């Protein structure tokens, strides 16, 4: 999976997109520091390439079967500073 976080602190605001290479993928948002995370599963349709883009405070998630054709799977407005952390998710 991939993630964009306000910091590496536990409970940081985040936008996270994951796959376990099964029939479902998962998106997760935390919009307030130390607030609840809101996970949602959705059909993967064999689209295992993952992308999160940020424009201001809008985080947009997309998936792809091949890295060329991208499909929208979610978006969330999360107020974060201009310098955030990005990385991979392993669970």
N, C-alpha and C. Protein backbone atom coordinates (compact mmCIF):
# COMPACT_ATOMS: atom_id res chain seq x y z
N UNK A 1 0.81 -1.19 0.00
CA UNK A 1 0.00 0.00 0.00
C UNK A 1 0.86 1.25 0.00
N UNK A 2 0.20 2.39 -0.17
CA UNK A 2 0.86 3.69 -0.15
C UNK A 2 0.10 4.60 0.80
N UNK A 3 0.80 5.60 1.34
CA UNK A 3 0.19 6.49 2.31
C UNK A 3 0.81 7.88 2.20
N UNK A 4 -0.01 8.89 2.47
CA UNK A 4 0.44 10.26 2.67
C UNK A 4 -0.04 10.64 4.07
N UNK A 5 0.92 11.05 4.93
CA UNK A 5 0.62 11.34 6.34
C UNK A 5 1.13 12.73 6.71
N UNK A 6 0.46 13.32 7.69
CA UNK A 6 0.92 14.62 8.20
C UNK A 6 2.26 14.48 8.91
N UNK A 7 2.47 13.35 9.59
CA UNK A 7 3.74 13.07 10.27
C UNK A 7 3.81 11.56 10.52
N UNK A 8 4.92 11.11 11.11
CA UNK A 8 5.03 9.70 11.45
C UNK A 8 4.48 9.39 12.84
N UNK A 9 3.92 10.37 13.50
CA UNK A 9 3.33 10.16 14.83
C UNK A 9 2.08 9.29 14.74
N UNK A 10 1.88 8.47 15.77
CA UNK A 10 0.65 7.68 15.85
C UNK A 10 -0.54 8.63 15.86
N UNK A 11 -1.58 8.32 15.13
CA UNK A 11 -2.77 9.15 15.10
C UNK A 11 -2.69 10.34 14.16
N UNK A 12 -1.64 10.40 13.32
CA UNK A 12 -1.51 11.52 12.37
C UNK A 12 -2.60 11.44 11.30
N UNK A 13 -2.99 12.59 10.77
CA UNK A 13 -3.93 12.62 9.65
C UNK A 13 -3.29 11.89 8.47
N UNK A 14 -4.14 11.20 7.67
CA UNK A 14 -3.57 10.42 6.58
C UNK A 14 -4.59 10.12 5.49
N UNK A 15 -4.05 9.78 4.33
CA UNK A 15 -4.78 9.19 3.21
C UNK A 15 -3.99 7.95 2.84
N UNK A 16 -4.64 6.78 2.83
CA UNK A 16 -3.93 5.51 2.65
C UNK A 16 -4.70 4.62 1.69
N UNK A 17 -3.98 3.98 0.79
CA UNK A 17 -4.59 3.11 -0.21
C UNK A 17 -3.80 1.80 -0.22
N UNK A 18 -4.53 0.65 -0.12
CA UNK A 18 -3.87 -0.64 0.01
C UNK A 18 -4.54 -1.71 -0.84
N UNK A 19 -3.76 -2.72 -1.18
CA UNK A 19 -4.27 -3.92 -1.82
C UNK A 19 -3.62 -5.13 -1.17
N UNK A 20 -4.33 -6.24 -1.12
CA UNK A 20 -3.71 -7.49 -0.67
C UNK A 20 -3.73 -8.50 -1.81
N UNK A 21 -3.84 -7.99 -3.04
CA UNK A 21 -3.85 -8.79 -4.26
C UNK A 21 -4.99 -9.80 -4.28
N UNK A 22 -6.08 -9.46 -3.61
CA UNK A 22 -7.28 -10.31 -3.63
C UNK A 22 -8.35 -9.59 -4.43
N UNK A 23 -9.59 -9.91 -4.18
CA UNK A 23 -10.69 -9.29 -4.92
C UNK A 23 -11.09 -7.94 -4.34
N UNK A 24 -10.44 -7.51 -3.24
CA UNK A 24 -10.77 -6.22 -2.64
C UNK A 24 -9.51 -5.38 -2.40
N UNK A 25 -9.68 -4.07 -2.50
CA UNK A 25 -8.67 -3.10 -2.10
C UNK A 25 -9.28 -2.31 -0.95
N UNK A 26 -8.46 -1.44 -0.34
CA UNK A 26 -8.95 -0.70 0.82
C UNK A 26 -8.39 0.71 0.81
N UNK A 27 -9.25 1.68 1.06
CA UNK A 27 -8.84 3.07 1.24
C UNK A 27 -9.15 3.46 2.68
N UNK A 28 -8.33 4.38 3.21
CA UNK A 28 -8.52 4.77 4.59
C UNK A 28 -8.11 6.24 4.75
N UNK A 29 -8.96 7.00 5.42
CA UNK A 29 -8.69 8.41 5.68
C UNK A 29 -8.77 8.67 7.18
N UNK A 30 -7.88 9.52 7.70
CA UNK A 30 -8.01 10.07 9.04
C UNK A 30 -7.95 11.59 8.84
N UNK A 31 -9.03 12.28 9.14
CA UNK A 31 -9.14 13.70 8.83
C UNK A 31 -8.79 14.61 10.00
N UNK A 32 -8.71 14.06 11.21
CA UNK A 32 -8.31 14.85 12.38
C UNK A 32 -7.23 14.09 13.14
N UNK A 33 -6.29 14.81 13.70
CA UNK A 33 -5.23 14.19 14.48
C UNK A 33 -5.83 13.41 15.65
N UNK A 34 -5.39 12.18 15.81
CA UNK A 34 -5.88 11.26 16.84
C UNK A 34 -7.36 10.91 16.69
N UNK A 35 -7.95 11.25 15.55
CA UNK A 35 -9.34 10.90 15.29
C UNK A 35 -9.44 9.48 14.76
N UNK A 36 -10.65 9.06 14.54
CA UNK A 36 -10.88 7.72 13.98
C UNK A 36 -10.43 7.68 12.53
N UNK A 37 -9.91 6.53 12.12
CA UNK A 37 -9.62 6.29 10.70
C UNK A 37 -10.87 5.67 10.11
N UNK A 38 -11.14 5.96 8.86
CA UNK A 38 -12.35 5.49 8.20
C UNK A 38 -12.00 4.55 7.06
N UNK A 39 -11.79 3.25 7.33
CA UNK A 39 -11.45 2.30 6.27
C UNK A 39 -12.68 1.90 5.47
N UNK A 40 -12.48 1.70 4.18
CA UNK A 40 -13.54 1.24 3.28
C UNK A 40 -12.94 0.26 2.29
N UNK A 41 -13.57 -0.89 2.13
CA UNK A 41 -13.15 -1.84 1.12
C UNK A 41 -13.95 -1.62 -0.15
N UNK A 42 -13.32 -1.94 -1.28
CA UNK A 42 -14.00 -1.84 -2.57
C UNK A 42 -13.42 -2.90 -3.50
N UNK A 43 -14.18 -3.34 -4.51
CA UNK A 43 -13.68 -4.36 -5.44
C UNK A 43 -12.41 -3.89 -6.15
N UNK A 44 -11.41 -4.75 -6.19
CA UNK A 44 -10.14 -4.37 -6.83
C UNK A 44 -10.21 -4.47 -8.34
N UNK A 45 -11.04 -5.34 -8.87
CA UNK A 45 -11.13 -5.56 -10.33
C UNK A 45 -9.74 -5.78 -10.94
N UNK A 46 -8.88 -6.44 -10.20
CA UNK A 46 -7.51 -6.75 -10.63
C UNK A 46 -6.72 -5.50 -11.01
N UNK A 47 -6.98 -4.42 -10.30
CA UNK A 47 -6.25 -3.16 -10.49
C UNK A 47 -5.35 -2.97 -9.27
N UNK A 48 -4.09 -3.38 -9.40
CA UNK A 48 -3.19 -3.42 -8.27
C UNK A 48 -2.16 -2.29 -8.24
N UNK A 49 -2.11 -1.47 -9.27
CA UNK A 49 -1.27 -0.28 -9.24
C UNK A 49 -2.03 0.77 -8.44
N UNK A 50 -1.34 1.49 -7.57
CA UNK A 50 -1.98 2.44 -6.67
C UNK A 50 -1.39 3.83 -6.84
N UNK A 51 -2.25 4.86 -6.71
CA UNK A 51 -1.76 6.24 -6.81
C UNK A 51 -2.60 7.14 -5.92
N UNK A 52 -1.92 8.00 -5.16
CA UNK A 52 -2.58 9.07 -4.40
C UNK A 52 -1.96 10.38 -4.89
N UNK A 53 -2.79 11.33 -5.25
CA UNK A 53 -2.31 12.64 -5.64
C UNK A 53 -2.89 13.68 -4.69
N UNK A 54 -2.13 14.74 -4.50
CA UNK A 54 -2.57 15.82 -3.62
C UNK A 54 -2.58 17.12 -4.40
N UNK A 55 -3.69 17.86 -4.27
CA UNK A 55 -3.81 19.21 -4.82
C UNK A 55 -4.36 20.08 -3.68
N UNK A 56 -3.49 20.86 -3.05
CA UNK A 56 -3.91 21.60 -1.86
C UNK A 56 -4.21 20.63 -0.74
N UNK A 57 -5.43 20.65 -0.24
CA UNK A 57 -5.84 19.71 0.80
C UNK A 57 -6.72 18.58 0.27
N UNK A 58 -6.82 18.45 -1.06
CA UNK A 58 -7.62 17.38 -1.67
C UNK A 58 -6.71 16.21 -2.02
N UNK A 59 -7.01 15.04 -1.45
CA UNK A 59 -6.28 13.82 -1.72
C UNK A 59 -7.16 12.92 -2.58
N UNK A 60 -6.65 12.55 -3.76
CA UNK A 60 -7.40 11.75 -4.72
C UNK A 60 -6.71 10.41 -4.92
N UNK A 61 -7.50 9.34 -4.91
CA UNK A 61 -6.97 7.99 -5.03
C UNK A 61 -7.40 7.37 -6.35
N UNK A 62 -6.45 6.66 -6.98
CA UNK A 62 -6.72 5.98 -8.23
C UNK A 62 -6.02 4.62 -8.22
N UNK A 63 -6.57 3.68 -8.99
CA UNK A 63 -5.98 2.36 -9.18
C UNK A 63 -5.90 2.06 -10.67
N UNK A 64 -5.01 1.13 -11.01
CA UNK A 64 -4.80 0.81 -12.43
C UNK A 64 -4.44 -0.67 -12.57
N UNK A 65 -4.86 -1.28 -13.69
CA UNK A 65 -4.44 -2.66 -13.97
C UNK A 65 -3.06 -2.73 -14.62
N UNK A 66 -2.56 -1.59 -15.13
CA UNK A 66 -1.34 -1.63 -15.94
C UNK A 66 -0.41 -0.41 -15.77
N UNK A 67 -0.76 0.55 -14.94
CA UNK A 67 0.05 1.74 -14.76
C UNK A 67 -0.18 2.80 -15.83
N UNK A 68 -1.11 2.55 -16.76
CA UNK A 68 -1.41 3.49 -17.83
C UNK A 68 -2.84 4.03 -17.73
N UNK A 69 -3.81 3.14 -17.63
CA UNK A 69 -5.22 3.53 -17.50
C UNK A 69 -5.56 3.59 -16.01
N UNK A 70 -5.96 4.79 -15.52
CA UNK A 70 -6.22 4.98 -14.09
C UNK A 70 -7.70 5.18 -13.83
N UNK A 71 -8.17 4.63 -12.69
CA UNK A 71 -9.58 4.68 -12.31
C UNK A 71 -9.72 5.30 -10.92
N UNK A 72 -10.57 6.29 -10.82
CA UNK A 72 -10.85 6.98 -9.57
C UNK A 72 -11.51 6.03 -8.57
N UNK A 73 -11.01 6.01 -7.31
CA UNK A 73 -11.62 5.17 -6.28
C UNK A 73 -11.91 5.93 -4.99
N UNK A 74 -11.58 7.22 -4.94
CA UNK A 74 -11.92 7.97 -3.73
C UNK A 74 -11.18 9.28 -3.65
N UNK A 75 -11.75 10.18 -2.85
CA UNK A 75 -11.12 11.48 -2.60
C UNK A 75 -11.59 11.99 -1.24
N UNK A 76 -10.74 12.80 -0.63
CA UNK A 76 -11.09 13.35 0.67
C UNK A 76 -10.33 14.66 0.86
N UNK A 77 -10.99 15.64 1.44
CA UNK A 77 -10.35 16.89 1.82
C UNK A 77 -9.80 16.72 3.23
N UNK A 78 -8.47 16.85 3.39
CA UNK A 78 -7.82 16.74 4.69
C UNK A 78 -6.86 17.91 4.83
N UNK A 79 -7.08 18.74 5.80
CA UNK A 79 -6.23 19.91 6.02
C UNK A 79 -4.89 19.45 6.60
N UNK A 80 -3.80 19.66 5.82
CA UNK A 80 -2.44 19.31 6.25
C UNK A 80 -1.50 20.42 5.84
N UNK A 81 -0.36 20.49 6.53
CA UNK A 81 0.67 21.44 6.15
C UNK A 81 1.24 21.11 4.78
N UNK A 82 2.09 21.99 4.28
CA UNK A 82 2.63 21.79 2.94
C UNK A 82 3.72 20.72 2.90
N UNK A 83 4.33 20.39 4.03
CA UNK A 83 5.37 19.36 4.08
C UNK A 83 4.81 18.14 4.82
N UNK A 84 4.61 17.05 4.08
CA UNK A 84 4.05 15.82 4.67
C UNK A 84 4.98 14.66 4.38
N UNK A 85 4.66 13.50 4.95
CA UNK A 85 5.44 12.30 4.70
C UNK A 85 4.67 11.37 3.77
N UNK A 86 5.40 10.70 2.90
CA UNK A 86 4.80 9.73 1.97
C UNK A 86 5.59 8.44 2.08
N UNK A 87 4.91 7.32 1.89
CA UNK A 87 5.64 6.08 1.97
C UNK A 87 4.78 4.87 1.63
N UNK A 88 5.36 3.72 1.91
CA UNK A 88 4.71 2.45 1.65
C UNK A 88 4.08 1.92 2.93
N UNK A 89 3.03 1.14 2.77
CA UNK A 89 2.32 0.53 3.89
C UNK A 89 2.53 -0.98 3.82
N UNK A 90 2.92 -1.56 4.93
CA UNK A 90 3.04 -3.02 5.03
C UNK A 90 2.27 -3.44 6.27
N UNK A 91 1.34 -4.37 6.11
CA UNK A 91 0.57 -4.86 7.26
C UNK A 91 0.63 -6.36 7.31
